[in-house]
Amino acid sequence: MYYNGQTLTQDVHFQDHIEHGVPVQIYNHEMHYDIGFIEHYDEHYIVVNNTPYARECYRFVSRPGY
C-alpha cells in the first residue's frame, strides 16, 4: 500500500492509514515530532495521540510495520 517514509498529503492517504491501522510519523521541518495512529483528520488538521497537527505546518510520513 504505502512504503516506509512516504510523505502523506491527500485525504485518501490519511483515510487509508486510519482504515488499515498504519502509524504515521510527524515532522516539523526535518525534526521528528511525534509518531502514532491517525484518530481524525479534516482539511486543516490531522489528530494523532489526541493532538491536532496543522497540515500546513507539519509533514506526515507513513511508517508501516512500526
N, C-alpha and C. Protein backbone atom coordinates (compact mmCIF):
# COMPACT_ATOMS: atom_id res chain seq x y z
N MET A 1 0.83 -1.19 0.00
CA MET A 1 0.00 0.00 0.00
C MET A 1 0.88 1.26 0.00
N TYR A 2 1.58 1.53 1.08
CA TYR A 2 2.46 2.68 1.18
C TYR A 2 3.84 2.19 1.60
N TYR A 3 4.87 2.86 1.12
CA TYR A 3 6.21 2.45 1.52
C TYR A 3 6.66 3.25 2.74
N ASN A 4 7.56 2.67 3.51
CA ASN A 4 8.09 3.31 4.70
C ASN A 4 8.79 4.61 4.32
N GLY A 5 8.34 5.71 4.89
CA GLY A 5 8.94 7.01 4.61
C GLY A 5 8.19 7.84 3.58
N GLN A 6 7.11 7.30 3.03
CA GLN A 6 6.34 8.04 2.03
C GLN A 6 5.61 9.21 2.69
N THR A 7 5.74 10.39 2.11
CA THR A 7 5.04 11.57 2.62
C THR A 7 3.57 11.51 2.24
N LEU A 8 2.71 11.80 3.21
CA LEU A 8 1.26 11.76 3.01
C LEU A 8 0.74 13.18 2.87
N THR A 9 -0.07 13.42 1.85
CA THR A 9 -0.57 14.77 1.61
C THR A 9 -2.07 14.84 1.34
N GLN A 10 -2.64 13.75 0.85
CA GLN A 10 -4.03 13.78 0.41
C GLN A 10 -4.95 13.09 1.41
N ASP A 11 -6.21 13.49 1.42
CA ASP A 11 -7.19 12.89 2.32
C ASP A 11 -7.23 11.37 2.19
N VAL A 12 -7.13 10.87 0.98
CA VAL A 12 -7.18 9.41 0.77
C VAL A 12 -6.02 8.73 1.48
N HIS A 13 -4.85 9.37 1.54
CA HIS A 13 -3.71 8.81 2.27
C HIS A 13 -4.05 8.67 3.75
N PHE A 14 -4.61 9.72 4.34
CA PHE A 14 -4.94 9.70 5.76
C PHE A 14 -6.05 8.69 6.07
N GLN A 15 -7.04 8.62 5.19
CA GLN A 15 -8.14 7.67 5.38
C GLN A 15 -7.62 6.23 5.31
N ASP A 16 -6.76 5.94 4.36
CA ASP A 16 -6.16 4.61 4.25
C ASP A 16 -5.42 4.23 5.53
N HIS A 17 -4.69 5.17 6.10
CA HIS A 17 -3.92 4.89 7.31
C HIS A 17 -4.84 4.63 8.51
N ILE A 18 -5.96 5.33 8.56
CA ILE A 18 -6.94 5.06 9.61
C ILE A 18 -7.53 3.67 9.43
N GLU A 19 -8.00 3.37 8.23
CA GLU A 19 -8.69 2.11 7.96
C GLU A 19 -7.80 0.89 8.17
N HIS A 20 -6.51 1.01 7.86
CA HIS A 20 -5.60 -0.12 7.93
C HIS A 20 -4.70 -0.12 9.16
N GLY A 21 -4.88 0.88 10.03
CA GLY A 21 -4.10 0.92 11.26
C GLY A 21 -2.61 1.10 11.05
N VAL A 22 -2.25 1.91 10.08
CA VAL A 22 -0.84 2.17 9.79
C VAL A 22 -0.42 3.45 10.51
N PRO A 23 0.66 3.39 11.29
CA PRO A 23 1.10 4.59 12.00
C PRO A 23 1.74 5.63 11.07
N VAL A 24 1.76 6.84 11.55
CA VAL A 24 2.42 7.94 10.83
C VAL A 24 3.43 8.61 11.76
N GLN A 25 4.47 9.11 11.17
CA GLN A 25 5.45 9.89 11.90
C GLN A 25 5.28 11.34 11.48
N ILE A 26 5.41 12.23 12.44
CA ILE A 26 5.17 13.64 12.19
C ILE A 26 6.48 14.41 12.34
N TYR A 27 6.74 15.25 11.36
CA TYR A 27 7.95 16.06 11.36
C TYR A 27 7.60 17.53 11.32
N ASN A 28 8.39 18.32 12.03
CA ASN A 28 8.35 19.78 11.95
C ASN A 28 9.67 20.16 11.33
N HIS A 29 9.63 20.59 10.07
CA HIS A 29 10.81 20.75 9.23
C HIS A 29 11.47 19.38 9.13
N GLU A 30 12.69 19.19 9.53
CA GLU A 30 13.33 17.88 9.46
C GLU A 30 13.43 17.20 10.83
N MET A 31 12.83 17.80 11.84
CA MET A 31 12.89 17.27 13.20
C MET A 31 11.68 16.39 13.50
N HIS A 32 11.96 15.17 13.97
CA HIS A 32 10.88 14.26 14.38
C HIS A 32 10.12 14.90 15.54
N TYR A 33 8.79 14.85 15.45
CA TYR A 33 7.96 15.50 16.47
C TYR A 33 7.10 14.50 17.23
N ASP A 34 6.52 13.51 16.52
CA ASP A 34 5.61 12.56 17.16
C ASP A 34 5.44 11.37 16.22
N ILE A 35 4.91 10.27 16.76
CA ILE A 35 4.54 9.10 15.95
C ILE A 35 3.31 8.48 16.60
N GLY A 36 2.42 7.96 15.76
CA GLY A 36 1.21 7.34 16.29
C GLY A 36 0.22 7.07 15.18
N PHE A 37 -1.01 6.79 15.59
CA PHE A 37 -2.08 6.47 14.65
C PHE A 37 -3.00 7.67 14.48
N ILE A 38 -3.44 7.90 13.27
CA ILE A 38 -4.36 8.99 12.98
C ILE A 38 -5.72 8.66 13.60
N GLU A 39 -6.23 9.59 14.38
CA GLU A 39 -7.54 9.42 15.01
C GLU A 39 -8.63 10.12 14.21
N HIS A 40 -8.27 11.23 13.60
CA HIS A 40 -9.23 12.05 12.85
C HIS A 40 -8.44 13.00 11.96
N TYR A 41 -9.07 13.45 10.89
CA TYR A 41 -8.45 14.47 10.03
C TYR A 41 -9.56 15.30 9.40
N ASP A 42 -9.20 16.51 9.03
CA ASP A 42 -10.06 17.36 8.22
C ASP A 42 -9.16 18.21 7.32
N GLU A 43 -9.71 19.21 6.69
CA GLU A 43 -8.91 19.99 5.74
C GLU A 43 -7.81 20.81 6.39
N HIS A 44 -7.86 20.98 7.72
CA HIS A 44 -6.87 21.81 8.41
C HIS A 44 -5.95 21.04 9.35
N TYR A 45 -6.44 19.96 9.95
CA TYR A 45 -5.69 19.26 10.99
C TYR A 45 -5.70 17.76 10.82
N ILE A 46 -4.62 17.13 11.34
CA ILE A 46 -4.54 15.69 11.48
C ILE A 46 -4.39 15.45 12.98
N VAL A 47 -5.25 14.62 13.57
CA VAL A 47 -5.20 14.37 15.01
C VAL A 47 -4.49 13.03 15.24
N VAL A 48 -3.38 13.09 15.99
CA VAL A 48 -2.60 11.92 16.37
C VAL A 48 -2.30 12.04 17.86
N ASN A 49 -2.53 10.98 18.62
CA ASN A 49 -2.28 10.98 20.07
C ASN A 49 -3.02 12.13 20.77
N ASN A 50 -4.27 12.34 20.37
CA ASN A 50 -5.13 13.40 20.93
C ASN A 50 -4.57 14.81 20.72
N THR A 51 -3.68 14.96 19.76
CA THR A 51 -3.08 16.27 19.48
C THR A 51 -3.36 16.64 18.03
N PRO A 52 -3.98 17.81 17.80
CA PRO A 52 -4.19 18.25 16.42
C PRO A 52 -2.92 18.89 15.85
N TYR A 53 -2.52 18.43 14.68
CA TYR A 53 -1.35 18.97 13.99
C TYR A 53 -1.83 19.66 12.71
N ALA A 54 -1.47 20.91 12.54
CA ALA A 54 -1.88 21.67 11.36
C ALA A 54 -1.21 21.09 10.12
N ARG A 55 -2.01 20.81 9.12
CA ARG A 55 -1.49 20.19 7.89
C ARG A 55 -0.46 21.06 7.20
N GLU A 56 -0.58 22.38 7.30
CA GLU A 56 0.36 23.25 6.60
C GLU A 56 1.66 23.46 7.37
N CYS A 57 1.71 23.01 8.62
CA CYS A 57 2.91 23.22 9.45
C CYS A 57 3.76 21.97 9.64
N TYR A 58 3.18 20.80 9.44
CA TYR A 58 3.88 19.55 9.71
C TYR A 58 3.89 18.67 8.48
N ARG A 59 4.84 17.75 8.46
CA ARG A 59 4.93 16.75 7.39
C ARG A 59 4.57 15.40 8.01
N PHE A 60 3.73 14.64 7.32
CA PHE A 60 3.24 13.36 7.80
C PHE A 60 3.82 12.26 6.92
N VAL A 61 4.43 11.26 7.56
CA VAL A 61 5.17 10.22 6.86
C VAL A 61 4.63 8.85 7.25
N SER A 62 4.42 7.99 6.28
CA SER A 62 3.93 6.65 6.53
C SER A 62 5.01 5.80 7.19
N ARG A 63 4.61 5.01 8.21
CA ARG A 63 5.53 4.12 8.91
C ARG A 63 4.93 2.73 9.05
N PRO A 64 4.63 2.05 7.92
CA PRO A 64 4.09 0.69 8.03
C PRO A 64 5.10 -0.22 8.71
N GLY A 65 4.60 -1.09 9.55
CA GLY A 65 5.46 -2.04 10.24
C GLY A 65 6.11 -1.51 11.49
N TYR A 66 5.84 -0.26 11.85
CA TYR A 66 6.45 0.32 13.06
C TYR A 66 5.82 -0.27 14.29
